[in-house]
Amino acid sequence: MNIDRLHQLREEKGLTRVQVAKEFAVSPSTYGKWELGKRKPDSDTMIKLAELYQVSVDYLLGTTDNPMPASEKKEVSIRDEDIKFALWGEAKDEITEEEMEDVRAYARFVAERKKRTGG
């Protein structure tokens, strides 16, 4: 665990060791030992710490410098007019709702495939 990050994240949230310890039902001493690197929280607690501080577990562990979990990166919203323009160069009105749903379904398929393959 990256001890500097745990301490820094707690301070950024404006929390005391006592407050965080209470949140995790541990003594302030135990939480303090996590921050000092003298003890390590179990994996379930690591996940909960990451959720509390809104960072990835990898960030807490120090294996990445990117605090934002990949799954929480903002999704780009694409309007139907954008799809029509991308496909036909203009926002055509003739496309049926069924055809638009096919395009949306394919877009969801591509997005899911990209998530699974990490590409």
Protein backbone atom coordinates (compact mmCIF):
# COMPACT_ATOMS: atom_id res chain seq x y z
CA MET A 1 0.00 0.00 0.00
CA ASN A 2 1.24 3.47 -0.82
CA ILE A 3 1.15 5.06 2.62
CA ASP A 4 1.57 8.62 1.38
CA ARG A 5 -1.52 8.28 -0.81
CA LEU A 6 -3.76 6.99 1.95
CA HIS A 7 -2.80 9.89 4.21
CA GLN A 8 -3.08 12.45 1.41
CA LEU A 9 -6.49 11.22 0.25
CA ARG A 10 -7.85 11.34 3.80
CA GLU A 11 -6.67 14.91 4.23
CA GLU A 12 -8.05 15.92 0.82
CA LYS A 13 -11.46 14.66 1.97
CA GLY A 14 -11.10 16.67 5.18
CA LEU A 15 -11.42 13.58 7.34
CA THR A 16 -9.65 12.68 10.55
CA ARG A 17 -8.21 9.28 11.32
CA VAL A 18 -10.92 8.87 13.95
CA GLN A 19 -13.68 9.53 11.40
CA VAL A 20 -12.29 7.04 8.88
CA ALA A 21 -11.63 4.45 11.58
CA LYS A 22 -15.24 4.77 12.72
CA GLU A 23 -16.43 4.33 9.12
CA PHE A 24 -14.50 1.06 8.90
CA ALA A 25 -15.30 -0.11 12.44
CA VAL A 26 -11.63 -0.24 13.42
CA SER A 27 -9.72 1.63 16.07
CA PRO A 28 -8.02 4.91 15.15
CA SER A 29 -4.77 3.14 16.01
CA THR A 30 -5.46 0.45 13.40
CA TYR A 31 -6.25 3.02 10.73
CA GLY A 32 -3.13 4.96 11.72
CA LYS A 33 -1.06 1.80 11.21
CA TRP A 34 -2.52 1.47 7.69
CA GLU A 35 -1.39 5.01 6.92
CA LEU A 36 2.05 4.35 8.38
CA GLY A 37 2.43 1.07 6.51
CA LYS A 38 2.74 -0.95 9.71
CA ARG A 39 -0.40 -2.96 8.94
CA LYS A 40 -2.29 -3.71 5.75
CA PRO A 41 -6.06 -3.75 5.41
CA ASP A 42 -7.65 -6.88 3.94
CA SER A 43 -8.78 -6.88 0.32
CA ASP A 44 -12.43 -6.08 1.12
CA THR A 45 -11.34 -3.10 3.17
CA MET A 46 -9.03 -1.96 0.35
CA ILE A 47 -12.02 -1.94 -1.99
CA LYS A 48 -14.05 0.07 0.52
CA LEU A 49 -11.17 2.52 0.99
CA ALA A 50 -10.97 2.98 -2.76
CA GLU A 51 -14.71 3.64 -2.86
CA LEU A 52 -14.49 6.12 0.01
CA TYR A 53 -11.68 8.06 -1.65
CA GLN A 54 -13.09 7.55 -5.16
CA VAL A 55 -9.89 6.07 -6.55
CA SER A 56 -8.85 2.67 -7.83
CA VAL A 57 -7.36 0.01 -5.59
CA ASP A 58 -4.34 0.05 -7.92
CA TYR A 59 -3.87 3.72 -7.08
CA LEU A 60 -3.99 2.98 -3.35
CA LEU A 61 -1.44 0.22 -3.83
CA GLY A 62 0.83 2.52 -5.80
CA THR A 63 0.81 0.40 -8.96
CA THR A 64 -0.59 3.28 -11.02
CA ASP A 65 -0.43 7.03 -10.86
CA ASN A 66 -3.92 7.34 -12.34
CA PRO A 67 -6.37 7.76 -9.46
CA MET A 68 -9.48 7.42 -11.63
CA PRO A 69 -10.75 3.88 -11.99
CA ALA A 70 -11.15 2.97 -15.63
CA SER A 71 -14.74 1.92 -15.09
CA GLU A 72 -15.62 5.36 -13.78
CA LYS A 73 -14.29 7.39 -16.65
CA LYS A 74 -17.01 9.54 -18.10
CA GLU A 75 -18.98 7.99 -20.92
CA VAL A 76 -19.34 10.11 -24.03
CA SER A 77 -22.95 10.75 -24.91
CA ILE A 78 -23.74 10.39 -28.60
CA ARG A 79 -26.95 11.86 -29.90
CA ASP A 80 -28.95 10.26 -32.72
CA GLU A 81 -28.19 13.30 -34.89
CA ASP A 82 -24.45 12.64 -34.42
CA ILE A 83 -24.89 9.03 -35.56
CA LYS A 84 -26.89 10.07 -38.62
CA PHE A 85 -24.28 12.68 -39.54
CA ALA A 86 -21.42 10.22 -39.10
CA LEU A 87 -23.11 7.64 -41.33
CA TRP A 88 -24.62 9.83 -44.04
CA GLY A 89 -22.94 13.22 -43.73
CA GLU A 90 -26.19 14.83 -42.69
CA ALA A 91 -28.89 14.34 -40.09
CA LYS A 92 -31.27 12.34 -42.25
CA ASP A 93 -34.86 12.10 -41.17
CA GLU A 94 -35.61 9.03 -43.29
CA ILE A 95 -33.88 6.54 -41.03
CA THR A 96 -36.38 4.45 -39.11
CA GLU A 97 -36.33 3.97 -35.37
CA GLU A 98 -35.60 0.27 -35.97
CA GLU A 99 -32.51 1.14 -38.03
CA MET A 100 -31.34 3.60 -35.34
CA GLU A 101 -31.76 0.91 -32.67
CA ASP A 102 -29.62 -1.45 -34.78
CA VAL A 103 -26.90 1.21 -34.90
CA ARG A 104 -27.16 1.81 -31.13
CA ALA A 105 -27.00 -1.95 -30.45
CA TYR A 106 -23.88 -2.28 -32.58
CA ALA A 107 -22.30 0.68 -30.78
CA ARG A 108 -23.01 -0.98 -27.41
CA PHE A 109 -21.52 -4.23 -28.72
CA VAL A 110 -18.32 -2.48 -29.83
CA ALA A 111 -18.04 -0.63 -26.50
CA GLU A 112 -18.45 -3.86 -24.50
CA ARG A 113 -15.93 -5.70 -26.66
CA LYS A 114 -13.46 -2.88 -26.14
CA LYS A 115 -13.96 -3.07 -22.35
CA ARG A 116 -13.38 -6.85 -22.35
CA THR A 117 -10.26 -6.72 -24.48
CA GLY A 118 -8.88 -3.58 -22.84
CA GLY A 119 -8.39 -1.98 -26.22
